[in-house]
N, C-alpha and C. Protein backbone atom coordinates (compact mmCIF):
# COMPACT_ATOMS: atom_id res chain seq x y z
N MET A 1 48.39 -52.11 24.37
CA MET A 1 47.86 -51.35 23.60
C MET A 1 48.59 -50.53 22.70
N LYS A 2 48.21 -50.45 21.59
CA LYS A 2 49.24 -49.59 20.43
C LYS A 2 48.99 -48.20 20.89
N LYS A 3 50.09 -47.37 20.36
CA LYS A 3 50.25 -45.95 20.35
C LYS A 3 48.95 -45.36 19.82
N ASN A 4 48.56 -45.65 18.82
CA ASN A 4 47.55 -45.03 17.96
C ASN A 4 46.31 -45.31 18.30
N GLU A 5 46.03 -46.38 19.08
CA GLU A 5 44.59 -46.81 19.41
C GLU A 5 43.73 -45.69 20.17
N PRO A 6 44.57 -45.01 21.13
CA PRO A 6 43.58 -44.01 21.78
C PRO A 6 43.10 -42.76 21.04
N PHE A 7 43.94 -42.50 19.72
CA PHE A 7 43.63 -41.64 18.65
C PHE A 7 42.65 -42.06 17.89
N ASP A 8 42.64 -43.69 17.55
CA ASP A 8 41.52 -44.15 16.77
C ASP A 8 40.10 -44.08 17.34
N LEU A 9 40.25 -44.40 18.90
CA LEU A 9 39.08 -44.36 19.65
C LEU A 9 38.31 -43.30 19.52
N PHE A 10 39.22 -42.18 19.48
CA PHE A 10 38.71 -40.69 19.95
C PHE A 10 37.98 -40.41 18.63
N ASN A 11 38.73 -40.80 17.37
CA ASN A 11 38.05 -40.51 16.22
C ASN A 11 36.90 -41.03 15.82
N ARG A 12 36.86 -42.48 16.20
CA ARG A 12 35.42 -43.12 16.28
C ARG A 12 34.28 -42.64 17.03
N LEU A 13 34.52 -41.91 18.21
CA LEU A 13 33.62 -41.49 19.30
C LEU A 13 33.22 -40.17 18.37
N ARG A 14 34.25 -39.34 17.82
CA ARG A 14 33.72 -37.99 16.98
C ARG A 14 33.01 -38.35 15.97
N PHE A 15 33.17 -39.54 15.27
CA PHE A 15 32.48 -39.97 14.08
C PHE A 15 31.02 -40.34 14.49
N ILE A 16 30.92 -41.20 15.43
CA ILE A 16 29.50 -41.51 16.16
C ILE A 16 28.75 -40.42 16.51
N ALA A 17 29.14 -39.35 17.31
CA ALA A 17 28.57 -38.23 17.90
C ALA A 17 28.22 -37.38 16.53
N SER A 18 29.09 -37.34 15.53
CA SER A 18 28.60 -36.47 14.25
C SER A 18 27.38 -37.13 13.74
N LYS A 19 27.55 -38.44 13.51
CA LYS A 19 26.19 -38.89 12.66
C LYS A 19 25.06 -39.07 13.58
N SER A 20 25.16 -39.13 15.08
CA SER A 20 24.07 -39.01 15.63
C SER A 20 23.35 -37.52 15.83
N TYR A 21 24.31 -36.58 15.41
CA TYR A 21 23.76 -35.01 15.54
C TYR A 21 23.03 -34.89 14.42
N GLN A 22 23.64 -35.46 13.15
CA GLN A 22 23.02 -35.39 11.77
C GLN A 22 21.69 -35.94 11.67
N LEU A 23 21.43 -37.18 12.29
CA LEU A 23 20.11 -38.00 12.27
C LEU A 23 19.02 -37.25 13.25
N MET A 24 19.63 -36.42 14.16
CA MET A 24 18.70 -35.63 15.35
C MET A 24 18.10 -34.47 14.43
N GLU A 25 18.98 -33.84 13.43
CA GLU A 25 18.89 -32.78 12.89
C GLU A 25 17.67 -33.21 11.84
N GLN A 26 17.97 -34.37 10.93
CA GLN A 26 17.05 -34.74 10.02
C GLN A 26 15.49 -34.95 10.60
N ASP A 27 15.44 -35.58 11.65
CA ASP A 27 14.45 -35.80 12.65
C ASP A 27 13.53 -34.63 12.84
N MET A 28 14.49 -33.69 13.24
CA MET A 28 13.76 -32.05 13.60
C MET A 28 12.85 -31.71 12.46
N LYS A 29 13.72 -31.72 11.44
CA LYS A 29 13.23 -30.98 9.96
C LYS A 29 12.15 -31.82 9.69
N SER A 30 12.01 -32.91 9.82
CA SER A 30 10.85 -33.87 9.28
C SER A 30 9.58 -33.75 10.34
N ILE A 31 9.84 -33.41 11.52
CA ILE A 31 8.79 -33.17 12.38
C ILE A 31 8.39 -31.76 12.28
N LEU A 32 9.00 -30.85 12.09
CA LEU A 32 8.84 -29.61 11.76
C LEU A 32 8.03 -29.41 10.41
N GLY A 33 8.38 -30.20 9.59
CA GLY A 33 7.48 -30.14 8.05
C GLY A 33 6.28 -30.63 8.14
N LEU A 34 6.07 -31.74 9.06
CA LEU A 34 4.88 -32.37 9.33
C LEU A 34 3.88 -31.47 10.29
N THR A 35 4.50 -30.64 11.11
CA THR A 35 3.78 -29.96 11.86
C THR A 35 3.06 -28.85 11.03
N LEU A 36 4.06 -28.16 10.32
CA LEU A 36 3.39 -27.12 9.26
C LEU A 36 2.38 -27.59 8.45
N THR A 37 2.52 -28.69 7.75
CA THR A 37 1.66 -29.42 6.74
C THR A 37 0.30 -29.54 7.48
N ALA A 38 0.41 -30.14 8.81
CA ALA A 38 -0.87 -30.22 9.63
C ALA A 38 -1.48 -28.97 9.90
N LEU A 39 -1.02 -28.14 10.21
CA LEU A 39 -1.40 -26.61 10.41
C LEU A 39 -2.15 -26.01 9.46
N LEU A 40 -1.36 -26.19 8.20
CA LEU A 40 -2.04 -25.82 7.00
C LEU A 40 -3.37 -26.41 6.67
N ILE A 41 -3.48 -27.69 6.85
CA ILE A 41 -4.75 -28.56 6.29
C ILE A 41 -5.58 -28.28 7.36
N SER A 42 -5.33 -28.27 8.61
CA SER A 42 -6.44 -27.85 9.83
C SER A 42 -6.97 -26.55 9.71
N THR A 43 -6.26 -25.69 9.24
CA THR A 43 -6.61 -24.30 9.35
C THR A 43 -6.91 -23.48 7.98
N PRO A 44 -8.09 -23.98 7.18
CA PRO A 44 -8.24 -23.69 5.89
C PRO A 44 -8.46 -22.04 5.84
N ALA A 45 -9.23 -21.69 6.92
CA ALA A 45 -9.38 -20.28 7.17
C ALA A 45 -8.33 -19.38 6.79
N LEU A 46 -7.09 -19.49 7.19
CA LEU A 46 -5.94 -18.87 7.18
C LEU A 46 -5.63 -18.54 5.74
N ALA A 47 -6.02 -19.45 4.84
CA ALA A 47 -5.85 -19.35 3.30
C ALA A 47 -6.63 -18.20 2.77
N LYS A 48 -5.96 -17.14 2.03
CA LYS A 48 -6.51 -16.12 1.44
C LYS A 48 -7.49 -16.61 0.43
N LYS A 49 -8.74 -16.18 0.28
CA LYS A 49 -9.82 -16.69 -0.55
C LYS A 49 -9.68 -15.88 -1.80
N PRO A 50 -9.44 -16.69 -2.97
CA PRO A 50 -9.24 -15.73 -4.08
C PRO A 50 -10.41 -14.84 -4.74
N MET A 51 -10.39 -13.77 -5.07
CA MET A 51 -11.43 -12.98 -5.60
C MET A 51 -11.95 -13.58 -6.94
N ASN A 52 -13.26 -13.54 -6.78
CA ASN A 52 -14.15 -14.11 -7.79
C ASN A 52 -14.27 -12.79 -9.01
N ILE A 53 -13.07 -12.91 -9.93
CA ILE A 53 -13.14 -11.87 -11.01
C ILE A 53 -14.23 -11.95 -11.84
N GLU A 54 -14.66 -13.25 -12.18
CA GLU A 54 -16.16 -13.07 -13.20
C GLU A 54 -17.32 -12.46 -12.71
N GLU A 55 -17.51 -12.94 -11.58
CA GLU A 55 -18.76 -12.37 -10.73
C GLU A 55 -18.61 -10.93 -10.47
N ARG A 56 -17.35 -10.17 -10.26
CA ARG A 56 -17.29 -8.71 -10.31
C ARG A 56 -17.35 -8.27 -11.51
N GLN A 57 -17.03 -8.58 -12.48
CA GLN A 57 -16.99 -8.31 -14.00
C GLN A 57 -18.34 -8.20 -14.43
N THR A 58 -19.21 -9.38 -14.20
CA THR A 58 -20.56 -9.21 -14.27
C THR A 58 -21.41 -8.09 -13.58
N ALA A 59 -21.03 -7.89 -12.49
CA ALA A 59 -21.50 -6.92 -11.67
C ALA A 59 -21.16 -5.51 -12.43
N CYS A 60 -20.48 -5.34 -13.17
CA CYS A 60 -20.15 -3.98 -13.89
C CYS A 60 -20.55 -4.04 -15.47
N LYS A 61 -21.33 -4.98 -15.83
CA LYS A 61 -21.80 -5.29 -17.26
C LYS A 61 -22.66 -4.03 -17.67
N ASP A 62 -22.61 -3.34 -18.80
CA ASP A 62 -23.27 -2.23 -19.17
C ASP A 62 -23.34 -1.08 -18.28
N LYS A 63 -22.13 -1.18 -17.61
CA LYS A 63 -21.86 0.23 -16.70
C LYS A 63 -20.70 0.87 -17.19
N SER A 64 -20.58 2.11 -16.56
CA SER A 64 -19.37 2.87 -17.01
C SER A 64 -18.47 3.07 -15.79
N ALA A 65 -17.05 3.39 -16.00
CA ALA A 65 -16.20 3.62 -14.91
C ALA A 65 -16.60 4.65 -13.84
N GLY A 66 -16.66 4.29 -12.74
CA GLY A 66 -17.09 5.27 -11.48
C GLY A 66 -18.53 5.00 -11.08
N ASP A 67 -19.16 4.04 -11.86
CA ASP A 67 -20.56 3.82 -11.57
C ASP A 67 -20.57 2.66 -10.26
N SER A 68 -21.53 2.83 -9.55
CA SER A 68 -21.93 2.11 -8.44
C SER A 68 -22.45 0.51 -8.46
N CYS A 69 -21.32 -0.23 -7.97
CA CYS A 69 -22.04 -1.86 -8.20
C CYS A 69 -21.94 -2.39 -6.63
N THR A 70 -22.64 -3.53 -6.73
CA THR A 70 -22.32 -4.60 -5.47
C THR A 70 -21.87 -5.74 -6.00
N PHE A 71 -21.24 -6.49 -4.90
CA PHE A 71 -20.62 -7.86 -5.26
C PHE A 71 -20.65 -8.74 -3.86
N GLN A 72 -20.82 -9.86 -3.84
CA GLN A 72 -20.64 -10.90 -2.57
C GLN A 72 -19.28 -10.86 -2.14
N GLY A 73 -19.08 -10.31 -1.01
CA GLY A 73 -17.75 -10.33 -0.24
C GLY A 73 -17.88 -11.52 0.93
N LYS A 74 -16.98 -11.52 1.63
CA LYS A 74 -16.66 -12.62 2.66
C LYS A 74 -17.82 -12.60 3.63
N LYS A 75 -18.52 -11.31 3.95
CA LYS A 75 -19.55 -11.08 4.99
C LYS A 75 -20.62 -10.73 4.45
N GLY A 76 -21.21 -11.13 3.10
CA GLY A 76 -22.34 -10.70 2.47
C GLY A 76 -21.96 -9.83 1.71
N GLU A 77 -23.18 -9.23 1.03
CA GLU A 77 -23.29 -8.20 0.00
C GLU A 77 -22.36 -6.84 0.27
N LYS A 78 -21.74 -6.46 -0.58
CA LYS A 78 -20.95 -5.00 -0.38
C LYS A 78 -20.95 -4.28 -1.44
N SER A 79 -21.14 -2.93 -1.29
CA SER A 79 -20.91 -1.97 -2.38
C SER A 79 -19.66 -1.86 -2.78
N GLY A 80 -19.45 -1.20 -4.19
CA GLY A 80 -18.23 -1.02 -4.67
C GLY A 80 -18.31 -0.05 -5.89
N THR A 81 -17.28 0.00 -6.56
CA THR A 81 -17.45 1.08 -7.72
C THR A 81 -16.56 0.28 -8.98
N CYS A 82 -17.24 0.62 -10.08
CA CYS A 82 -16.60 0.06 -11.32
C CYS A 82 -15.31 0.74 -11.73
N LYS A 83 -14.18 -0.01 -11.64
CA LYS A 83 -12.91 0.35 -12.11
C LYS A 83 -12.44 -0.41 -13.35
N GLU A 84 -11.50 0.27 -13.95
CA GLU A 84 -10.62 -0.79 -14.99
C GLU A 84 -9.92 -1.62 -14.22
N GLY A 85 -9.86 -2.93 -15.11
CA GLY A 85 -9.07 -4.03 -14.45
C GLY A 85 -7.51 -3.94 -14.46
N ARG A 86 -6.80 -4.27 -13.31
CA ARG A 86 -5.46 -4.11 -13.49
C ARG A 86 -4.73 -5.02 -14.85
N ARG A 87 -5.30 -6.21 -15.14
CA ARG A 87 -4.43 -6.90 -16.11
C ARG A 87 -5.41 -6.57 -17.33
N ASP A 88 -6.75 -6.60 -17.43
CA ASP A 88 -7.21 -6.36 -18.51
C ASP A 88 -8.12 -5.03 -18.57
N LYS A 89 -7.68 -4.02 -18.85
CA LYS A 89 -8.17 -2.62 -18.68
C LYS A 89 -9.32 -2.56 -19.60
N SER A 90 -9.44 -3.53 -20.55
CA SER A 90 -11.05 -3.35 -21.57
C SER A 90 -12.21 -3.90 -20.76
N LYS A 91 -11.75 -4.40 -19.56
CA LYS A 91 -12.92 -4.81 -18.90
C LYS A 91 -13.14 -3.97 -17.50
N LEU A 92 -14.19 -3.66 -17.07
CA LEU A 92 -14.71 -3.21 -15.86
C LEU A 92 -14.81 -4.19 -14.74
N ILE A 93 -14.46 -3.69 -13.54
CA ILE A 93 -14.58 -4.93 -12.40
C ILE A 93 -14.85 -3.94 -11.16
N CYS A 94 -15.72 -4.66 -10.36
CA CYS A 94 -16.35 -4.02 -9.35
C CYS A 94 -15.24 -4.14 -8.03
N LEU A 95 -15.08 -3.07 -7.47
CA LEU A 95 -14.14 -3.09 -6.46
C LEU A 95 -14.41 -2.32 -5.40
N GLY A 96 -14.21 -2.84 -3.97
CA GLY A 96 -14.63 -2.18 -2.83
C GLY A 96 -13.77 -1.20 -2.53
N GLU A 97 -13.92 -0.15 -1.67
CA GLU A 97 -12.90 0.82 -1.27
C GLU A 97 -12.07 -0.10 -0.21
N ARG A 98 -10.80 0.15 -0.18
CA ARG A 98 -9.69 -0.52 0.63
C ARG A 98 -9.73 0.43 1.99
N LYS A 99 -9.50 -0.50 3.23
CA LYS A 99 -9.69 0.32 4.29
C LYS A 99 -8.42 1.58 4.45
N GLY A 100 -9.10 2.69 4.74
CA GLY A 100 -8.29 3.73 4.79
C GLY A 100 -8.08 4.60 3.47
N LYS A 101 -8.91 4.31 2.37
CA LYS A 101 -8.78 4.78 1.22
C LYS A 101 -10.26 5.33 0.81
N GLY A 102 -10.13 6.19 -0.13
CA GLY A 102 -11.65 6.58 -0.41
C GLY A 102 -12.29 7.48 0.66
N PHE A 103 -13.62 6.93 0.89
CA PHE A 103 -14.48 7.56 1.94
C PHE A 103 -14.20 6.67 3.37
N GLY A 104 -13.56 5.96 3.39
CA GLY A 104 -13.21 4.83 4.61
C GLY A 104 -13.50 5.54 5.89
N PHE A 105 -12.30 6.31 6.22
CA PHE A 105 -12.66 6.82 7.53
C PHE A 105 -13.42 8.00 7.62
N LEU A 106 -14.16 8.45 6.55
CA LEU A 106 -15.20 9.57 6.55
C LEU A 106 -16.47 9.16 7.15
N LYS A 107 -16.55 7.74 7.15
CA LYS A 107 -17.91 7.08 7.62
C LYS A 107 -18.10 7.45 9.25
N GLU A 108 -17.12 7.69 9.64
CA GLU A 108 -16.77 8.28 11.23
C GLU A 108 -17.55 9.75 11.28
N LEU A 109 -17.85 10.34 10.38
CA LEU A 109 -18.22 12.00 10.44
C LEU A 109 -19.82 11.83 10.33
N ASN A 110 -20.40 10.68 10.03
CA ASN A 110 -21.87 10.91 10.14
C ASN A 110 -22.48 11.72 9.05
N LEU A 111 -22.02 11.63 7.71
CA LEU A 111 -22.36 12.56 6.76
C LEU A 111 -23.70 12.11 6.24
N SER A 112 -24.43 13.24 5.91
CA SER A 112 -25.67 13.26 5.49
C SER A 112 -25.63 12.67 3.77
N LYS A 113 -26.79 12.43 3.15
CA LYS A 113 -26.89 11.82 2.00
C LYS A 113 -26.13 13.15 0.79
N GLU A 114 -26.73 14.24 1.14
CA GLU A 114 -26.30 15.40 0.46
C GLU A 114 -24.68 15.71 0.45
N GLN A 115 -24.09 15.49 1.89
CA GLN A 115 -22.77 15.61 1.91
C GLN A 115 -21.88 14.74 1.34
N PHE A 116 -22.24 13.33 1.33
CA PHE A 116 -21.69 12.36 0.64
C PHE A 116 -21.63 12.37 -0.72
N SER A 117 -22.90 12.79 -1.34
CA SER A 117 -23.06 13.08 -2.68
C SER A 117 -21.82 14.16 -3.18
N LYS A 118 -21.99 15.40 -2.59
CA LYS A 118 -20.79 16.28 -2.82
C LYS A 118 -19.55 15.97 -2.76
N LEU A 119 -19.04 15.22 -1.90
CA LEU A 119 -17.85 14.38 -1.74
C LEU A 119 -17.52 13.62 -2.75
N LYS A 120 -18.41 12.83 -3.40
CA LYS A 120 -18.37 12.03 -4.38
C LYS A 120 -17.99 12.72 -5.67
N GLU A 121 -18.86 13.70 -5.86
CA GLU A 121 -18.50 14.79 -6.84
C GLU A 121 -17.14 15.34 -7.06
N HIS A 122 -16.59 15.49 -5.82
CA HIS A 122 -15.28 16.19 -5.70
C HIS A 122 -14.32 15.17 -5.80
N LYS A 123 -14.40 13.91 -5.74
CA LYS A 123 -13.53 12.96 -5.75
C LYS A 123 -13.41 12.41 -7.30
N GLN A 124 -14.57 12.65 -8.20
CA GLN A 124 -14.55 12.31 -9.42
C GLN A 124 -13.73 13.64 -10.10
N SER A 125 -13.91 14.97 -9.70
CA SER A 125 -13.06 16.01 -10.13
C SER A 125 -11.84 15.85 -10.01
N GLU A 126 -11.21 15.14 -8.83
CA GLU A 126 -10.07 15.17 -8.29
C GLU A 126 -9.43 14.00 -9.22
N LYS A 127 -10.06 13.02 -9.64
CA LYS A 127 -9.53 12.17 -10.85
C LYS A 127 -9.04 12.84 -11.99
N VAL A 128 -9.43 13.80 -12.40
CA VAL A 128 -8.99 14.47 -13.83
C VAL A 128 -7.80 15.12 -13.46
N LYS A 129 -7.48 15.61 -12.11
CA LYS A 129 -6.36 16.40 -11.80
C LYS A 129 -4.93 15.34 -11.63
N ARG A 130 -5.52 14.22 -11.48
CA ARG A 130 -4.53 13.17 -11.13
C ARG A 130 -3.22 12.95 -12.24
N GLU A 131 -3.63 13.13 -13.37
CA GLU A 131 -2.43 13.03 -14.26
C GLU A 131 -1.52 14.26 -14.01
N GLU A 132 -2.26 15.44 -14.10
CA GLU A 132 -1.60 16.66 -14.09
C GLU A 132 -0.61 16.62 -12.71
N ARG A 133 -0.97 16.11 -11.44
CA ARG A 133 -0.15 16.08 -10.51
C ARG A 133 0.95 15.28 -10.68
N LYS A 134 0.60 14.19 -11.37
CA LYS A 134 1.79 12.85 -11.83
C LYS A 134 2.55 13.73 -12.74
N ALA A 135 2.35 14.60 -13.60
CA ALA A 135 3.28 15.11 -14.53
C ALA A 135 4.22 16.22 -13.72
N LEU A 136 3.63 16.81 -12.76
CA LEU A 136 4.22 17.73 -11.96
C LEU A 136 5.45 17.08 -11.19
N ARG A 137 5.19 15.88 -10.50
CA ARG A 137 5.89 15.15 -9.81
C ARG A 137 7.14 14.65 -10.56
N GLU A 138 6.96 14.36 -11.71
CA GLU A 138 7.78 13.72 -12.57
C GLU A 138 8.78 15.08 -13.16
N LYS A 139 8.15 16.24 -13.27
CA LYS A 139 8.91 17.31 -13.54
C LYS A 139 10.06 17.77 -12.56
N ILE A 140 9.48 17.76 -11.29
CA ILE A 140 10.31 17.94 -10.12
C ILE A 140 11.61 16.90 -10.21
N LYS A 141 11.19 15.48 -10.53
CA LYS A 141 12.07 14.53 -10.48
C LYS A 141 13.32 14.85 -11.48
N ASN A 142 12.82 15.38 -12.50
CA ASN A 142 13.73 15.68 -13.55
C ASN A 142 14.62 16.57 -13.44
N LEU A 143 13.90 18.00 -12.86
CA LEU A 143 14.90 18.96 -12.51
C LEU A 143 15.92 18.69 -11.47
N ARG A 144 15.45 17.89 -10.52
CA ARG A 144 16.60 17.49 -9.49
C ARG A 144 17.78 16.82 -10.11
N GLU A 145 17.50 15.71 -10.99
CA GLU A 145 18.52 15.31 -11.91
C GLU A 145 19.39 16.10 -12.46
N ASP A 146 18.73 17.08 -13.12
CA ASP A 146 19.42 18.28 -13.77
C ASP A 146 20.16 18.97 -13.01
N ILE A 147 19.90 19.12 -11.77
CA ILE A 147 20.55 20.25 -10.90
C ILE A 147 21.74 19.34 -10.40
N LYS A 148 21.83 18.05 -10.04
CA LYS A 148 23.02 17.05 -9.67
C LYS A 148 23.99 17.08 -10.99
N LYS A 149 23.40 16.87 -11.77
CA LYS A 149 24.22 17.05 -13.31
C LYS A 149 24.81 18.35 -13.41
N GLY A 150 24.43 19.23 -13.23
CA GLY A 150 24.56 20.82 -13.42
C GLY A 150 25.76 20.91 -12.18
N PHE A 151 25.67 20.61 -11.19
CA PHE A 151 26.68 20.66 -9.94
C PHE A 151 27.92 19.77 -10.34
N ILE A 152 27.85 18.82 -10.76
CA ILE A 152 29.02 18.04 -11.24
C ILE A 152 29.74 18.53 -12.41
N GLY A 153 28.82 19.05 -13.35
CA GLY A 153 29.43 19.76 -14.67
C GLY A 153 29.72 21.22 -14.32
N ASN A 154 29.57 21.63 -13.25
CA ASN A 154 30.01 23.09 -12.94
C ASN A 154 29.36 24.23 -13.94
N ILE A 155 27.95 23.96 -14.17
CA ILE A 155 27.19 24.94 -14.80
C ILE A 155 27.15 26.44 -14.09
N SER A 156 26.74 27.27 -14.98
CA SER A 156 26.71 28.60 -14.39
C SER A 156 25.66 28.65 -12.97
N ASP A 157 26.15 29.64 -12.08
CA ASP A 157 25.22 29.88 -10.98
C ASP A 157 23.78 30.20 -11.52
N ASP A 158 23.76 31.00 -12.40
CA ASP A 158 22.47 31.50 -12.63
C ASP A 158 21.63 30.40 -13.27
N LYS A 159 22.18 29.47 -13.98
CA LYS A 159 21.40 28.27 -14.43
C LYS A 159 21.19 27.40 -13.52
N MET A 160 21.88 27.30 -12.22
CA MET A 160 21.44 26.49 -11.29
C MET A 160 20.40 27.00 -10.43
N MET A 161 20.42 28.32 -10.08
CA MET A 161 19.44 29.08 -9.55
C MET A 161 18.14 29.04 -10.15
N SER A 162 18.03 29.19 -11.56
CA SER A 162 16.91 28.91 -12.36
C SER A 162 16.09 27.72 -12.22
N MET A 163 16.90 26.80 -12.26
CA MET A 163 16.59 25.13 -12.02
C MET A 163 15.76 25.15 -10.98
N HIS A 164 16.45 25.70 -9.55
CA HIS A 164 15.97 25.55 -8.23
C HIS A 164 14.65 26.29 -7.89
N LYS A 165 14.52 27.53 -8.69
CA LYS A 165 13.15 28.36 -8.53
C LYS A 165 12.22 27.54 -9.38
N GLU A 166 12.66 26.95 -10.41
CA GLU A 166 11.54 26.25 -11.24
C GLU A 166 11.13 24.64 -10.37
N VAL A 167 11.86 24.16 -9.39
CA VAL A 167 11.64 23.26 -8.70
C VAL A 167 10.54 23.61 -7.37
N SER A 168 10.77 24.81 -7.12
CA SER A 168 10.10 25.58 -5.89
C SER A 168 8.78 25.96 -6.39
N SER A 169 8.58 26.52 -7.54
CA SER A 169 7.36 27.09 -8.19
C SER A 169 6.48 25.63 -8.40
N THR A 170 7.13 24.81 -9.05
CA THR A 170 6.44 23.32 -9.34
C THR A 170 5.97 22.83 -7.99
N ARG A 171 6.64 22.55 -7.02
CA ARG A 171 6.21 22.24 -5.58
C ARG A 171 5.25 23.08 -5.05
N ALA A 172 5.13 24.39 -5.21
CA ALA A 172 4.01 25.27 -4.85
C ALA A 172 2.87 24.87 -5.50
N LYS A 173 2.78 24.50 -6.90
CA LYS A 173 1.66 24.29 -7.69
C LYS A 173 1.01 22.89 -6.99
N LEU A 174 1.91 21.97 -6.67
CA LEU A 174 1.42 20.82 -6.09
C LEU A 174 0.72 20.84 -4.87
N GLU A 175 1.51 21.78 -4.12
CA GLU A 175 0.63 21.92 -2.56
C GLU A 175 -0.53 22.91 -2.73
N GLU A 176 -0.66 23.58 -3.58
CA GLU A 176 -1.78 24.23 -3.81
C GLU A 176 -3.01 23.38 -4.19
N MET A 177 -2.47 22.31 -5.08
CA MET A 177 -3.67 21.17 -5.33
C MET A 177 -3.94 20.39 -4.28
N ARG A 178 -3.15 20.00 -3.40
CA ARG A 178 -3.51 19.45 -2.36
C ARG A 178 -4.31 20.44 -1.17
N PHE A 179 -3.94 21.55 -1.11
CA PHE A 179 -4.62 22.32 -0.22
C PHE A 179 -6.25 22.54 -0.68
N SER A 180 -6.16 22.49 -2.07
CA SER A 180 -7.85 22.64 -2.47
C SER A 180 -8.79 21.42 -2.16
N LYS A 181 -8.20 20.35 -1.72
CA LYS A 181 -8.78 19.31 -1.01
C LYS A 181 -9.38 19.84 0.23
N MET A 182 -8.47 20.37 0.98
CA MET A 182 -8.92 20.90 2.52
C MET A 182 -9.88 21.72 2.45
N ILE A 183 -9.72 22.72 1.27
CA ILE A 183 -11.10 23.87 1.03
C ILE A 183 -12.19 23.28 0.89
N ALA A 184 -12.30 22.27 -0.01
CA ALA A 184 -13.46 21.50 -0.55
C ALA A 184 -14.17 20.82 0.78
N MET A 185 -13.23 20.37 1.82
CA MET A 185 -13.69 19.45 2.87
C MET A 185 -14.44 20.61 3.77
N LYS A 186 -13.84 21.80 3.90
CA LYS A 186 -14.13 22.85 4.90
C LYS A 186 -15.73 23.27 4.48
N ASN A 187 -15.88 23.44 3.16
CA ASN A 187 -17.09 23.96 2.60
C ASN A 187 -18.16 22.64 2.56
N ILE A 188 -17.91 21.49 2.65
CA ILE A 188 -18.91 20.50 2.65
C ILE A 188 -19.22 20.16 4.09
N LEU A 189 -18.12 19.95 5.17
CA LEU A 189 -18.71 19.56 6.50
C LEU A 189 -19.16 20.77 7.33
N ASN A 190 -19.87 20.32 8.38
CA ASN A 190 -20.26 21.50 9.35
C ASN A 190 -19.10 21.42 10.49
N GLU A 191 -19.47 22.48 11.40
CA GLU A 191 -18.36 22.66 12.27
C GLU A 191 -17.83 21.60 13.04
N GLU A 192 -18.70 20.69 13.74
CA GLU A 192 -18.49 19.57 14.43
C GLU A 192 -17.89 18.44 13.74
N GLN A 193 -17.95 18.36 12.43
CA GLN A 193 -17.44 17.48 11.33
C GLN A 193 -16.17 17.92 11.12
N ARG A 194 -15.85 19.16 11.16
CA ARG A 194 -14.38 19.63 10.74
C ARG A 194 -13.52 19.36 11.97
N LYS A 195 -14.05 19.39 13.14
CA LYS A 195 -13.29 19.31 14.40
C LYS A 195 -12.77 17.93 14.24
N LYS A 196 -13.77 16.76 13.95
CA LYS A 196 -13.72 15.35 14.03
C LYS A 196 -12.69 15.14 12.89
N PHE A 197 -12.72 15.80 11.77
CA PHE A 197 -11.85 15.25 10.50
C PHE A 197 -10.52 15.69 10.82
N ILE A 198 -10.04 16.91 11.67
CA ILE A 198 -8.88 16.97 12.14
C ILE A 198 -8.25 16.18 13.01
N GLU A 199 -9.37 15.62 13.80
CA GLU A 199 -8.69 14.62 14.89
C GLU A 199 -8.32 13.26 14.16
N LEU A 200 -9.13 12.96 12.98
CA LEU A 200 -9.13 11.76 12.32
C LEU A 200 -7.63 11.90 11.64
N GLU A 201 -7.35 13.00 10.91
CA GLU A 201 -6.17 13.32 10.05
C GLU A 201 -4.78 13.25 10.72
N ASP A 202 -5.01 13.85 12.06
CA ASP A 202 -3.77 13.89 13.16
C ASP A 202 -3.53 12.28 13.28
N LYS A 203 -4.51 11.60 13.88
CA LYS A 203 -4.46 10.20 14.17
C LYS A 203 -3.61 9.32 12.95
N ARG A 204 -4.25 9.59 11.69
CA ARG A 204 -3.48 9.07 10.46
C ARG A 204 -2.43 9.34 10.23
N ARG A 205 -1.74 10.38 10.69
CA ARG A 205 -0.44 11.03 10.26
C ARG A 205 0.59 10.44 11.27
N GLU A 206 0.02 10.38 12.73
CA GLU A 206 0.61 9.84 13.74
C GLU A 206 0.85 8.33 13.51
N LYS A 207 -0.07 7.53 12.93
CA LYS A 207 0.13 6.38 12.59
C LYS A 207 1.31 5.90 11.54
N PHE A 208 1.03 6.94 10.37
CA PHE A 208 1.97 7.07 9.43
C PHE A 208 3.46 7.07 9.90
N LYS A 209 3.69 8.18 10.77
CA LYS A 209 4.98 8.53 11.24
C LYS A 209 5.46 7.27 11.90
N LYS A 210 4.83 6.57 12.87
CA LYS A 210 5.13 5.39 13.73
C LYS A 210 5.55 4.32 12.78
N LYS A 211 4.72 3.82 11.81
CA LYS A 211 5.02 2.99 10.86
C LYS A 211 6.40 3.26 9.96
N LYS A 212 6.61 4.51 9.67
CA LYS A 212 7.84 4.71 9.00
C LYS A 212 9.01 4.55 9.82
N LYS A 213 8.85 5.03 11.14
CA LYS A 213 9.98 4.86 11.85
C LYS A 213 10.31 3.38 12.26
N HIS A 214 9.07 2.49 12.16
CA HIS A 214 9.65 1.17 12.68
C HIS A 214 10.09 0.50 11.37
N HIS A 215 9.94 0.86 10.08
CA HIS A 215 10.57 0.21 9.04
C HIS A 215 11.95 0.85 8.97
N LYS A 216 12.37 2.13 9.26
CA LYS A 216 13.68 2.46 9.34
C LYS A 216 14.66 1.56 10.53
N LYS A 217 13.92 1.24 11.60
CA LYS A 217 14.50 0.42 12.55
C LYS A 217 15.03 -0.73 11.91
N ASP A 218 13.83 -1.59 11.16
CA ASP A 218 14.25 -2.77 10.45
C ASP A 218 15.26 -2.89 9.41
């Protein structure tokens, strides 16, 4: 036997093992691909059903923004509100309230028709203030940027303090607007409903904290 023969034999065996591994890997990918395809075909219920835009637009024909409307959902007829479309704002579309938004969790308070009507009126008035709140948040953001630039540029202490006070007063306005919601709820709900409302709010905040903590870990 020649001196190089054992080395050549080792190289051949390594080449055969490498090829076998590549073939096995390709087979596994093919099997996985076929399995996923079969799952998608056999479970059409998992695919998200597209929204019937035309039907929902028809439901808001001859109506104004904020008017009530009805549309066919997955579990039958559902009620909603006529709102501007995201893509085409010239057309109104009937949209149901998302879970956790609007009057979602308030259903657990067993509101009377009169209470529900008052809450709806309050919600409509809050829409007007939405732009004002947005402007205040934008003002705070710009002031913070100015403070950072001022810190780097070594502006006067009085100027820095003036900007800080403006941020504080703007924040106070925002907090006052948020608190006005709580006052409105206090005046609409009865004592038992107010207790329930506080419980629901605490649960909602706790859920939000856990979700935020989970995202930080990720």
